[in-house]
Protein backbone atom coordinates (compact mmCIF):
# COMPACT_ATOMS: atom_id res chain seq x y z
CA MET A 1 126.34 40.78 21.94
CA PRO A 2 126.11 41.02 25.73
CA GLU A 3 125.64 37.72 27.60
CA GLU A 4 122.29 38.81 29.07
CA GLU A 5 120.90 39.53 25.60
CA LYS A 6 122.07 36.11 24.35
CA ARG A 7 120.29 34.39 27.26
CA SER A 8 117.13 36.38 26.55
CA GLN A 9 117.18 35.32 22.88
CA GLN A 10 117.75 31.67 23.86
CA ASN A 11 114.79 31.81 26.27
CA ASN A 12 112.59 33.36 23.57
CA CYS A 13 113.57 30.60 21.12
CA GLN A 14 112.74 27.93 23.71
CA GLU A 15 109.31 29.49 24.31
CA ILE A 16 108.60 29.68 20.58
CA ASN A 17 109.69 26.05 20.08
CA SER A 18 107.38 24.99 22.91
CA PHE A 19 104.47 27.08 21.61
CA PHE A 20 104.88 25.85 18.02
CA PRO A 21 105.82 22.19 18.29
CA LYS A 22 106.61 20.26 15.12
CA PHE A 23 103.83 17.93 13.98
CA THR A 24 104.90 15.17 11.62
CA LEU A 25 102.31 13.12 9.78
CA ARG A 26 102.08 11.10 6.59
CA GLY A 27 100.51 12.45 3.44
CA HIS A 28 97.52 10.24 2.60
CA LYS A 29 98.28 10.19 -1.13
CA THR A 30 102.09 10.06 -1.17
CA GLY A 31 102.84 8.43 2.19
CA LYS A 32 105.66 10.97 2.64
CA LYS A 33 106.24 12.48 6.04
CA ARG A 34 105.19 16.11 6.35
CA THR A 35 106.18 18.42 9.22
CA LYS A 36 104.22 21.51 10.22
CA PRO A 37 104.53 23.89 13.20
CA LEU A 38 101.10 24.54 14.75
CA ILE A 39 99.76 26.41 17.75
CA TYR A 40 98.32 24.08 20.35
CA LEU A 41 96.47 24.15 23.63
CA ARG A 42 97.46 21.71 26.38
CA GLU A 43 94.30 20.16 27.83
CA ASN A 44 95.13 17.71 30.63
CA ASP A 45 97.12 14.94 28.90
CA GLN A 46 95.99 15.96 25.42
CA MET A 47 97.04 18.52 22.84
CA VAL A 48 94.37 20.47 20.99
CA LEU A 49 94.77 21.96 17.51
CA VAL A 50 92.52 24.12 15.36
CA ALA A 51 92.21 23.23 11.67
CA SER A 52 91.39 26.83 10.73
CA HIS A 53 93.37 27.24 7.49
CA GLY A 54 92.96 30.98 8.08
CA GLY A 55 89.22 30.74 7.49
CA ALA A 56 89.63 29.33 3.97
CA PRO A 57 86.65 27.42 2.54
CA MET A 58 88.50 24.07 2.65
CA HIS A 59 90.11 22.24 5.56
CA PRO A 60 93.91 22.40 5.74
CA ILE A 61 95.74 19.52 4.09
CA TRP A 62 97.28 18.43 7.40
CA TRP A 63 93.78 17.81 8.83
CA ARG A 64 92.68 15.89 5.73
CA ASN A 65 95.83 13.77 6.06
CA LEU A 66 95.13 13.10 9.75
CA GLN A 67 91.57 12.06 8.91
CA GLN A 68 92.99 9.35 6.64
CA THR A 69 95.91 8.36 8.91
CA PRO A 70 95.35 9.62 12.46
CA GLN A 71 98.78 8.59 13.78
CA ALA A 72 101.41 11.32 13.96
CA GLU A 73 104.46 12.53 15.88
CA VAL A 74 104.81 15.71 17.88
CA GLN A 75 108.19 17.15 18.83
CA ILE A 76 108.31 19.63 21.70
CA ASN A 77 111.89 20.71 22.28
CA HIS A 78 113.76 17.37 22.48
CA THR A 79 110.77 15.16 23.34
CA ILE A 80 108.95 13.24 20.62
CA LEU A 81 105.43 11.99 21.30
CA HIS A 82 103.50 9.52 19.19
CA VAL A 83 99.89 10.66 19.05
CA GLU A 84 96.55 9.71 17.59
CA ALA A 85 94.21 12.41 16.29
CA ARG A 86 90.45 12.66 16.42
CA GLU A 87 87.96 15.45 15.98
CA ALA A 88 86.49 16.85 19.20
CA THR A 89 82.89 15.98 20.00
CA GLN A 90 80.39 18.84 19.87
CA GLU A 91 80.31 18.95 23.67
CA LYS A 92 84.10 19.12 23.93
CA ARG A 93 84.22 21.67 21.12
CA GLU A 94 81.85 23.99 23.00
CA ARG A 95 84.07 23.75 26.06
CA LEU A 96 87.38 24.17 24.21
CA TRP A 97 86.50 26.89 21.66
CA PRO A 98 86.59 29.80 24.16
CA LYS A 99 89.97 28.61 25.48
CA LEU A 100 91.36 28.38 21.94
CA VAL A 101 90.08 31.85 21.04
CA ALA A 102 91.68 33.19 24.24
CA LEU A 103 94.94 31.55 23.16
CA TYR A 104 94.74 32.94 19.62
CA PRO A 105 91.91 35.50 19.08
CA ASP A 106 92.09 35.35 15.28
CA TYR A 107 90.43 31.92 15.38
CA GLN A 108 87.15 33.78 15.97
CA ASN A 109 87.77 35.90 12.85
CA TYR A 110 88.62 32.78 10.84
CA GLN A 111 85.33 31.16 11.84
CA LYS A 112 83.41 34.26 10.75
CA ARG A 113 85.25 34.20 7.41
CA THR A 114 84.10 30.70 6.43
CA THR A 115 80.85 28.75 6.19
CA ARG A 116 82.48 25.49 7.34
CA THR A 117 82.73 24.59 10.99
CA ILE A 118 86.41 24.76 11.83
CA PRO A 119 87.48 21.40 13.26
CA ILE A 120 89.04 21.14 16.69
CA VAL A 121 91.54 18.29 16.68
CA VAL A 122 92.42 16.41 19.85
CA LEU A 123 95.76 14.58 19.98
CA GLN A 124 96.14 11.81 22.52
CA SER A 125 99.66 10.56 23.30
CA THR A 126 100.24 6.87 22.59
CA SER A 127 103.97 6.83 23.59
CA GLU A 128 107.01 9.00 24.25
CA ARG A 129 110.65 8.85 23.06
C-alpha cells in the first residue's frame, strides 16, 4: 500500500475515533462497566449526546444506566475524561436540537418514529487523565 494511502487511512481512523468517543459507565443492576461509542456534539466545555435508540419506544439502556449513576468516563483518542450526566433543560433542548439534527439528520426521523421525547444528555467534565 502506498505511503500516502496509509496516511489517509490513519487520518480517517483518527477522525472516526474523535467523532465516536468511547463512553464507559456502570450498569445500574450489575455494576459492571459498559462501553459504548456514541456520536456527540461539543458545546463549549460540555459534550452533548442524544438518547435516540433509533426512535424505539424505550430509552436506550445506556441512558437508563446514567439516570441511576450519572458518573461516567469518556475516552477521546488517548484522553480520558470523568464526566457527570444530566438531561438538558427544555430551554437548552430547544437550542441544541437543531444543532444535533444538523450533525446527524436521522435524529429528526427518530423523533418522528416515537411518541417519547428523545432525551438530550449533557456531559460535564469533572476531571481529566
